C-alpha cells in the first residue's frame, strides 16, 4: 500500500477554541490508483491534502507513505520526502516567470543535487511526456494556460515520484483546456502513475477511478466508479507562442 492513513486527526486553534478539521480519518491507497478526494468548503479535503503531501503534520493518528511513517519525521526529513516521493500540481501553476519551461521543470532536480547534464536529460524527458518538447525554451508568459499546467505537471513528474498530488488542477482553465489536462492525467495513470486529485467539481471527480467524499472532517463515502472517458490529449500547438488562456 502506497498511502496508509489511520485515525488521522487535525485540530486547529481558532479564537480560543479548537476546530477539528479532520476527525479520525482512515484511508488506504494502493500504488497505481487514481483517486479523487471531494467535499464542500470546510469538509477537510484541503487539510487531508496537506497531510498526505507532507505540508502539515497531524494532531494524532498515523500516516505511512511508501512504508515510511511520516508523522514521526522532522522538518528536514519531510522536505526530502516532498522532493523525492511527491509531485505537486497546483491550480495556480506556480511557475517562475523569468525562466524557461525546461528550467522550471529542472527545479526539483537542482534541490536534489542532480548534475546539470542529467537535469537537462530528465527535464526534456518529462516535457516529452506532456507533449511540450517544442516549447521547452519558452517562458510562462509565452505559453497558454493549458501549456503552463503541462509544464507544472512535467515538473511534478521529473523526480519520478511515488505519488502525483493535484489540487484543483483545472481551476484556472477553460472547460476545453481542462478536459485536455484531465485526459493527460488519465494517460499518466494508465502508464502506472499514482494520482490523488483534490476537487470540488463532480465532472472532474468522475475522471478518476475511485472517489472519496469528505464532510465535516470525516469520510462519508468511498467508492469505485467507471471513470468518464475523455478524448486523448491533442498534440501541442504550433511553434508560434499561443495566447494565454
C-alpha atoms as a PDB file:
ATOM      1  CA  UNK A   1       0.000   0.000   0.000  1.00  0.00           C
ATOM      2  CA  UNK A   2       1.395   3.390  -1.004  1.00  0.00           C
ATOM      3  CA  UNK A   3      -0.699   5.563   1.355  1.00  0.00           C
ATOM      4  CA  UNK A   4      -1.861   4.180   4.702  1.00  0.00           C
ATOM      5  CA  UNK A   5      -3.689   6.683   6.914  1.00  0.00           C
ATOM      6  CA  UNK A   6      -5.231   5.568  10.215  1.00  0.00           C
ATOM      7  CA  UNK A   7      -7.351   7.595  12.665  1.00  0.00           C
ATOM      8  CA  UNK A   8      -5.926  10.893  11.399  1.00  0.00           C
ATOM      9  CA  UNK A   9      -6.999  13.920  13.445  1.00  0.00           C
ATOM     10  CA  UNK A  10      -6.124  17.544  12.765  1.00  0.00           C
ATOM     11  CA  UNK A  11      -7.154  20.264  15.219  1.00  0.00           C
ATOM     12  CA  UNK A  12      -6.584  23.988  14.661  1.00  0.00           C
ATOM     13  CA  UNK A  13      -6.809  26.584  17.452  1.00  0.00           C
ATOM     14  CA  UNK A  14      -9.114  29.436  16.424  1.00  0.00           C
ATOM     15  CA  UNK A  15     -10.177  32.318  18.633  1.00  0.00           C
ATOM     16  CA  UNK A  16      -9.606  30.486  21.877  1.00  0.00           C
ATOM     17  CA  UNK A  17     -11.451  27.410  20.598  1.00  0.00           C
ATOM     18  CA  UNK A  18     -10.400  24.310  18.721  1.00  0.00           C
ATOM     19  CA  UNK A  19     -11.650  23.415  15.247  1.00  0.00           C
ATOM     20  CA  UNK A  20     -11.413  19.747  14.311  1.00  0.00           C
ATOM     21  CA  UNK A  21     -10.663  19.841  10.579  1.00  0.00           C
ATOM     22  CA  UNK A  22     -10.190  16.063  10.354  1.00  0.00           C
ATOM     23  CA  UNK A  23     -11.891  13.610  12.680  1.00  0.00           C
ATOM     24  CA  UNK A  24     -10.416  10.075  12.773  1.00  0.00           C
ATOM     25  CA  UNK A  25      -9.906   9.666   9.016  1.00  0.00           C
ATOM     26  CA  UNK A  26      -8.624   6.279   7.836  1.00  0.00           C
ATOM     27  CA  UNK A  27      -7.724   5.747   4.190  1.00  0.00           C
ATOM     28  CA  UNK A  28      -5.629   3.359   2.131  1.00  0.00           C
ATOM     29  CA  UNK A  29      -4.469   3.981  -1.443  1.00  0.00           C
ATOM     30  CA  UNK A  30      -2.585   1.382  -3.447  1.00  0.00           C
ATOM     31  CA  UNK A  31       0.176   2.057  -5.917  1.00  0.00           C
ATOM     32  CA  UNK A  32      -1.251   2.811  -9.378  1.00  0.00           C
ATOM     33  CA  UNK A  33      -4.652   4.041  -8.164  1.00  0.00           C
ATOM     34  CA  UNK A  34      -6.367   7.199  -9.418  1.00  0.00           C
ATOM     35  CA  UNK A  35      -8.368   8.715  -6.557  1.00  0.00           C
ATOM     36  CA  UNK A  36     -10.406  11.916  -6.348  1.00  0.00           C
ATOM     37  CA  UNK A  37     -10.992  13.426  -2.909  1.00  0.00           C
ATOM     38  CA  UNK A  38     -14.152  15.538  -2.878  1.00  0.00           C
ATOM     39  CA  UNK A  39     -16.092  17.647  -0.435  1.00  0.00           C
ATOM     40  CA  UNK A  40     -17.655  21.073   0.066  1.00  0.00           C
ATOM     41  CA  UNK A  41     -15.778  24.018   1.551  1.00  0.00           C
ATOM     42  CA  UNK A  42     -14.853  23.191   5.141  1.00  0.00           C
ATOM     43  CA  UNK A  43     -15.116  19.422   4.615  1.00  0.00           C
ATOM     44  CA  UNK A  44     -11.431  18.811   5.387  1.00  0.00           C
ATOM     45  CA  UNK A  45     -10.246  17.900   1.888  1.00  0.00           C
ATOM     46  CA  UNK A  46      -7.574  20.618   1.785  1.00  0.00           C
ATOM     47  CA  UNK A  47      -6.371  19.603   5.253  1.00  0.00           C
ATOM     48  CA  UNK A  48      -6.164  15.974   4.155  1.00  0.00           C
ATOM     49  CA  UNK A  49      -4.251  17.027   1.030  1.00  0.00           C
ATOM     50  CA  UNK A  50      -1.752  18.978   3.148  1.00  0.00           C
ATOM     51  CA  UNK A  51      -1.198  15.973   5.393  1.00  0.00           C
ATOM     52  CA  UNK A  52      -0.867  13.490   2.511  1.00  0.00           C
ATOM     53  CA  UNK A  53       1.535  15.913   0.809  1.00  0.00           C
ATOM     54  CA  UNK A  54       3.646  16.279   3.975  1.00  0.00           C
ATOM     55  CA  UNK A  55       2.937  20.020   4.008  1.00  0.00           C
ATOM     56  CA  UNK A  56       1.478  19.739   7.515  1.00  0.00           C
ATOM     57  CA  UNK A  57       1.545  17.256  10.385  1.00  0.00           C
ATOM     58  CA  UNK A  58      -1.436  15.592  12.104  1.00  0.00           C
ATOM     59  CA  UNK A  59      -2.535  16.237  15.663  1.00  0.00           C
ATOM     60  CA  UNK A  60      -2.858  12.480  16.142  1.00  0.00           C
ATOM     61  CA  UNK A  61      -3.090   9.294  14.112  1.00  0.00           C
ATOM     62  CA  UNK A  62      -0.575   7.658  11.779  1.00  0.00           C
ATOM     63  CA  UNK A  63       0.420   8.190   8.159  1.00  0.00           C
ATOM     64  CA  UNK A  64       2.675   5.801   6.255  1.00  0.00           C
ATOM     65  CA  UNK A  65       3.837   6.802   2.760  1.00  0.00           C
ATOM     66  CA  UNK A  66       5.571   4.087   0.804  1.00  0.00           C
ATOM     67  CA  UNK A  67       6.223   2.218   4.051  1.00  0.00           C
ATOM     68  CA  UNK A  68       7.692   5.180   5.955  1.00  0.00           C
ATOM     69  CA  UNK A  69       5.953   6.692   8.991  1.00  0.00           C
ATOM     70  CA  UNK A  70       5.595  10.327   8.001  1.00  0.00           C
ATOM     71  CA  UNK A  71       4.171  11.692  11.267  1.00  0.00           C
ATOM     72  CA  UNK A  72       7.420  10.887  13.099  1.00  0.00           C
ATOM     73  CA  UNK A  73       9.682  12.748  10.658  1.00  0.00           C
ATOM     74  CA  UNK A  74      11.446  16.031  11.404  1.00  0.00           C
ATOM     75  CA  UNK A  75      11.322  19.069   9.079  1.00  0.00           C
ATOM     76  CA  UNK A  76      14.377  18.030   7.059  1.00  0.00           C
ATOM     77  CA  UNK A  77      13.028  14.530   6.511  1.00  0.00           C
ATOM     78  CA  UNK A  78       9.652  15.956   5.471  1.00  0.00           C
ATOM     79  CA  UNK A  79      11.312  18.294   2.977  1.00  0.00           C
ATOM     80  CA  UNK A  80      13.255  15.385   1.496  1.00  0.00           C
ATOM     81  CA  UNK A  81      10.176  13.201   1.144  1.00  0.00           C
ATOM     82  CA  UNK A  82       8.262  16.045  -0.514  1.00  0.00           C
ATOM     83  CA  UNK A  83      11.021  16.446  -3.078  1.00  0.00           C
ATOM     84  CA  UNK A  84      11.530  12.754  -3.829  1.00  0.00           C
ATOM     85  CA  UNK A  85       8.250  10.938  -3.163  1.00  0.00           C
ATOM     86  CA  UNK A  86       5.587  13.514  -4.104  1.00  0.00           C
ATOM     87  CA  UNK A  87       4.969  15.537  -7.244  1.00  0.00           C
ATOM     88  CA  UNK A  88       2.681  18.535  -6.708  1.00  0.00           C
ATOM     89  CA  UNK A  89       0.359  20.116  -9.276  1.00  0.00           C
ATOM     90  CA  UNK A  90      -1.427  23.283  -8.148  1.00  0.00           C
ATOM     91  CA  UNK A  91      -4.290  25.318  -9.550  1.00  0.00           C
ATOM     92  CA  UNK A  92      -2.062  28.389  -9.959  1.00  0.00           C
ATOM     93  CA  UNK A  93       0.787  26.540 -11.775  1.00  0.00           C
ATOM     94  CA  UNK A  94       3.479  28.161  -9.515  1.00  0.00           C
ATOM     95  CA  UNK A  95       5.977  28.605 -12.342  1.00  0.00           C
ATOM     96  CA  UNK A  96       8.914  31.039 -12.184  1.00  0.00           C
ATOM     97  CA  UNK A  97       8.095  33.815 -14.654  1.00  0.00           C
ATOM     98  CA  UNK A  98      11.631  34.610 -15.836  1.00  0.00           C
ATOM     99  CA  UNK A  99      12.779  31.071 -16.517  1.00  0.00           C
ATOM    100  CA  UNK A 100      12.045  28.753 -19.431  1.00  0.00           C
ATOM    101  CA  UNK A 101       9.799  25.709 -19.312  1.00  0.00           C
ATOM    102  CA  UNK A 102      12.899  23.499 -19.197  1.00  0.00           C
ATOM    103  CA  UNK A 103      14.395  25.450 -16.300  1.00  0.00           C
ATOM    104  CA  UNK A 104      11.101  25.334 -14.377  1.00  0.00           C
ATOM    105  CA  UNK A 105      10.976  21.556 -14.765  1.00  0.00           C
ATOM    106  CA  UNK A 106      14.600  21.240 -13.632  1.00  0.00           C
ATOM    107  CA  UNK A 107      13.992  22.966 -10.276  1.00  0.00           C
ATOM    108  CA  UNK A 108      13.286  19.841  -8.147  1.00  0.00           C
ATOM    109  CA  UNK A 109      16.420  18.247  -9.570  1.00  0.00           C
ATOM    110  CA  UNK A 110      18.550  21.228  -8.511  1.00  0.00           C
ATOM    111  CA  UNK A 111      17.302  20.782  -4.942  1.00  0.00           C
ATOM    112  CA  UNK A 112      18.127  17.070  -5.206  1.00  0.00           C
ATOM    113  CA  UNK A 113      21.725  17.837  -6.228  1.00  0.00           C
ATOM    114  CA  UNK A 114      21.499  16.258  -9.703  1.00  0.00           C
ATOM    115  CA  UNK A 115      24.219  17.201 -12.221  1.00  0.00           C
ATOM    116  CA  UNK A 116      23.392  19.743 -14.917  1.00  0.00           C
ATOM    117  CA  UNK A 117      23.592  17.262 -17.808  1.00  0.00           C
ATOM    118  CA  UNK A 118      21.350  14.772 -16.019  1.00  0.00           C
ATOM    119  CA  UNK A 119      18.900  17.580 -15.123  1.00  0.00           C
ATOM    120  CA  UNK A 120      18.587  18.511 -18.787  1.00  0.00           C
ATOM    121  CA  UNK A 121      18.021  14.911 -19.805  1.00  0.00           C
ATOM    122  CA  UNK A 122      15.341  14.243 -17.192  1.00  0.00           C
ATOM    123  CA  UNK A 123      13.571  17.568 -17.750  1.00  0.00           C
ATOM    124  CA  UNK A 124      13.440  17.006 -21.510  1.00  0.00           C
ATOM    125  CA  UNK A 125      12.031  13.527 -20.916  1.00  0.00           C
ATOM    126  CA  UNK A 126       9.327  14.920 -18.576  1.00  0.00           C
ATOM    127  CA  UNK A 127       8.364  17.633 -21.086  1.00  0.00           C
ATOM    128  CA  UNK A 128       8.141  14.960 -23.786  1.00  0.00           C
ATOM    129  CA  UNK A 129       5.718  13.013 -21.555  1.00  0.00           C
ATOM    130  CA  UNK A 130       3.353  16.000 -21.616  1.00  0.00           C
ATOM    131  CA  UNK A 131       3.902  16.743 -25.338  1.00  0.00           C
ATOM    132  CA  UNK A 132       5.795  20.004 -24.822  1.00  0.00           C
ATOM    133  CA  UNK A 133       9.238  19.227 -26.216  1.00  0.00           C
ATOM    134  CA  UNK A 134       8.930  22.051 -28.765  1.00  0.00           C
ATOM    135  CA  UNK A 135       8.089  24.576 -26.019  1.00  0.00           C
ATOM    136  CA  UNK A 136      10.920  23.955 -23.587  1.00  0.00           C
ATOM    137  CA  UNK A 137      12.688  27.257 -24.362  1.00  0.00           C
ATOM    138  CA  UNK A 138       9.506  29.316 -23.865  1.00  0.00           C
ATOM    139  CA  UNK A 139       8.794  31.291 -20.712  1.00  0.00           C
ATOM    140  CA  UNK A 140       5.412  31.031 -18.950  1.00  0.00           C
ATOM    141  CA  UNK A 141       4.054  34.270 -20.470  1.00  0.00           C
ATOM    142  CA  UNK A 142       4.674  32.757 -23.913  1.00  0.00           C
ATOM    143  CA  UNK A 143       2.510  29.729 -23.131  1.00  0.00           C
ATOM    144  CA  UNK A 144      -1.232  29.196 -22.935  1.00  0.00           C
ATOM    145  CA  UNK A 145      -2.868  28.267 -19.630  1.00  0.00           C
ATOM    146  CA  UNK A 146      -3.039  24.619 -20.630  1.00  0.00           C
ATOM    147  CA  UNK A 147       0.612  24.608 -21.640  1.00  0.00           C
ATOM    148  CA  UNK A 148       1.616  26.215 -18.330  1.00  0.00           C
ATOM    149  CA  UNK A 149      -0.232  23.466 -16.480  1.00  0.00           C
ATOM    150  CA  UNK A 150       1.548  20.855 -18.604  1.00  0.00           C
ATOM    151  CA  UNK A 151       4.879  22.390 -17.584  1.00  0.00           C
ATOM    152  CA  UNK A 152       3.755  22.167 -13.948  1.00  0.00           C
ATOM    153  CA  UNK A 153       2.830  18.504 -14.450  1.00  0.00           C
ATOM    154  CA  UNK A 154       6.206  17.799 -16.081  1.00  0.00           C
ATOM    155  CA  UNK A 155       7.924  19.435 -13.100  1.00  0.00           C
ATOM    156  CA  UNK A 156       5.883  17.212 -10.766  1.00  0.00           C
ATOM    157  CA  UNK A 157       6.937  14.110 -12.709  1.00  0.00           C
ATOM    158  CA  UNK A 158      10.623  14.880 -13.186  1.00  0.00           C
ATOM    159  CA  UNK A 159      11.785  13.136  -9.983  1.00  0.00           C
ATOM    160  CA  UNK A 160       9.674  10.065 -10.823  1.00  0.00           C
ATOM    161  CA  UNK A 161       7.717  10.413  -7.558  1.00  0.00           C
ATOM    162  CA  UNK A 162       5.665   7.687  -5.920  1.00  0.00           C
ATOM    163  CA  UNK A 163       2.633   9.994  -5.811  1.00  0.00           C
ATOM    164  CA  UNK A 164       1.258  12.740  -8.055  1.00  0.00           C
ATOM    165  CA  UNK A 165      -0.863  15.064  -5.894  1.00  0.00           C
ATOM    166  CA  UNK A 166      -3.048  17.531  -7.810  1.00  0.00           C
ATOM    167  CA  UNK A 167      -5.005  20.331  -6.112  1.00  0.00           C
ATOM    168  CA  UNK A 168      -7.851  21.681  -8.306  1.00  0.00           C
ATOM    169  CA  UNK A 169      -5.577  21.367 -11.384  1.00  0.00           C
ATOM    170  CA  UNK A 170      -8.193  22.705 -13.838  1.00  0.00           C
ATOM    171  CA  UNK A 171      -9.484  25.542 -11.656  1.00  0.00           C
ATOM    172  CA  UNK A 172      -7.837  28.302 -13.722  1.00  0.00           C
ATOM    173  CA  UNK A 173      -8.558  26.753 -17.129  1.00  0.00           C
ATOM    174  CA  UNK A 174     -11.471  26.914 -19.534  1.00  0.00           C
ATOM    175  CA  UNK A 175     -13.555  23.759 -19.921  1.00  0.00           C
ATOM    176  CA  UNK A 176     -11.907  22.526 -23.137  1.00  0.00           C
ATOM    177  CA  UNK A 177      -8.380  23.010 -21.805  1.00  0.00           C
ATOM    178  CA  UNK A 178      -9.466  21.406 -18.526  1.00  0.00           C
ATOM    179  CA  UNK A 179     -10.581  18.305 -20.408  1.00  0.00           C
ATOM    180  CA  UNK A 180      -7.211  18.150 -22.167  1.00  0.00           C
ATOM    181  CA  UNK A 181      -5.432  18.233 -18.803  1.00  0.00           C
ATOM    182  CA  UNK A 182      -7.711  15.537 -17.384  1.00  0.00           C
ATOM    183  CA  UNK A 183      -7.040  13.388 -20.472  1.00  0.00           C
ATOM    184  CA  UNK A 184      -3.340  13.803 -19.734  1.00  0.00           C
ATOM    185  CA  UNK A 185      -3.864  12.669 -16.116  1.00  0.00           C
ATOM    186  CA  UNK A 186      -5.715   9.606 -17.389  1.00  0.00           C
ATOM    187  CA  UNK A 187      -2.806   8.799 -19.718  1.00  0.00           C
ATOM    188  CA  UNK A 188      -0.287   9.213 -16.891  1.00  0.00           C
ATOM    189  CA  UNK A 189      -2.330   6.915 -14.658  1.00  0.00           C
ATOM    190  CA  UNK A 190      -2.576   4.298 -17.398  1.00  0.00           C
ATOM    191  CA  UNK A 191       1.230   4.441 -17.580  1.00  0.00           C
ATOM    192  CA  UNK A 192       1.389   3.480 -13.891  1.00  0.00           C
ATOM    193  CA  UNK A 193       1.443   6.798 -12.035  1.00  0.00           C
ATOM    194  CA  UNK A 194      -0.466   7.015  -8.749  1.00  0.00           C
ATOM    195  CA  UNK A 195      -2.678  10.117  -8.748  1.00  0.00           C
ATOM    196  CA  UNK A 196      -4.621  11.742  -5.916  1.00  0.00           C
ATOM    197  CA  UNK A 197      -6.799  14.603  -7.115  1.00  0.00           C
ATOM    198  CA  UNK A 198      -8.403  17.201  -4.839  1.00  0.00           C
ATOM    199  CA  UNK A 199     -11.531  18.763  -6.342  1.00  0.00           C
ATOM    200  CA  UNK A 200     -14.987  20.105  -5.581  1.00  0.00           C
ATOM    201  CA  UNK A 201     -16.237  19.538  -9.137  1.00  0.00           C
ATOM    202  CA  UNK A 202     -18.274  16.432  -9.971  1.00  0.00           C
ATOM    203  CA  UNK A 203     -17.166  16.442 -13.623  1.00  0.00           C
ATOM    204  CA  UNK A 204     -13.501  16.357 -12.630  1.00  0.00           C
ATOM    205  CA  UNK A 205     -14.023  13.692  -9.967  1.00  0.00           C
ATOM    206  CA  UNK A 206     -15.762  11.452 -12.498  1.00  0.00           C
ATOM    207  CA  UNK A 207     -12.482  11.206 -14.404  1.00  0.00           C
ATOM    208  CA  UNK A 208     -10.946   9.259 -11.503  1.00  0.00           C
ATOM    209  CA  UNK A 209     -11.439   5.547 -10.856  1.00  0.00           C
ATOM    210  CA  UNK A 210     -12.241   5.982  -7.160  1.00  0.00           C
ATOM    211  CA  UNK A 211     -13.916   8.860  -5.325  1.00  0.00           C
ATOM    212  CA  UNK A 212     -13.621   9.625  -1.602  1.00  0.00           C
ATOM    213  CA  UNK A 213     -16.210  12.069  -0.211  1.00  0.00           C
ATOM    214  CA  UNK A 214     -15.457  14.112   2.909  1.00  0.00           C
ATOM    215  CA  UNK A 215     -17.911  16.028   5.047  1.00  0.00           C
ATOM    216  CA  UNK A 216     -17.291  17.701   8.415  1.00  0.00           C
ATOM    217  CA  UNK A 217     -13.835  16.147   8.634  1.00  0.00           C
ATOM    218  CA  UNK A 218     -14.998  12.570   8.087  1.00  0.00           C
ATOM    219  CA  UNK A 219     -15.126  10.195   5.128  1.00  0.00           C
ATOM    220  CA  UNK A 220     -18.803   9.699   4.321  1.00  0.00           C
ATOM    221  CA  UNK A 221     -18.409   7.736   1.077  1.00  0.00           C
ATOM    222  CA  UNK A 222     -15.609   5.834  -0.650  1.00  0.00           C
ATOM    223  CA  UNK A 223     -16.498   4.093  -3.895  1.00  0.00           C
ATOM    224  CA  UNK A 224     -15.039   2.819  -7.153  1.00  0.00           C
ATOM    225  CA  UNK A 225     -16.656   4.098 -10.323  1.00  0.00           C
ATOM    226  CA  UNK A 226     -16.417   3.783 -14.071  1.00  0.00           C
ATOM    227  CA  UNK A 227     -14.313   6.817 -14.905  1.00  0.00           C
ATOM    228  CA  UNK A 228     -15.554   9.242 -17.535  1.00  0.00           C
ATOM    229  CA  UNK A 229     -13.716   8.680 -20.783  1.00  0.00           C
ATOM    230  CA  UNK A 230     -12.149  11.804 -22.200  1.00  0.00           C
ATOM    231  CA  UNK A 231     -10.617  12.388 -25.627  1.00  0.00           C
ATOM    232  CA  UNK A 232      -6.890  11.776 -25.813  1.00  0.00           C
ATOM    233  CA  UNK A 233      -4.977  14.976 -25.150  1.00  0.00           C
ATOM    234  CA  UNK A 234      -4.226  16.587 -28.517  1.00  0.00           C
ATOM    235  CA  UNK A 235      -0.777  17.254 -29.891  1.00  0.00           C
ATOM    236  CA  UNK A 236       0.736  20.554 -28.787  1.00  0.00           C
ATOM    237  CA  UNK A 237       0.017  23.716 -30.704  1.00  0.00           C
ATOM    238  CA  UNK A 238       2.320  25.009 -33.430  1.00  0.00           C
ATOM    239  CA  UNK A 239       5.680  26.604 -32.866  1.00  0.00           C
ATOM    240  CA  UNK A 240       4.316  30.168 -32.517  1.00  0.00           C
ATOM    241  CA  UNK A 241       3.562  31.189 -28.958  1.00  0.00           C
ATOM    242  CA  UNK A 242      -0.104  30.668 -28.158  1.00  0.00           C
ATOM    243  CA  UNK A 243      -2.049  33.425 -26.434  1.00  0.00           C
ATOM    244  CA  UNK A 244      -2.704  32.885 -22.742  1.00  0.00           C
ATOM    245  CA  UNK A 245      -5.970  31.129 -21.947  1.00  0.00           C
END
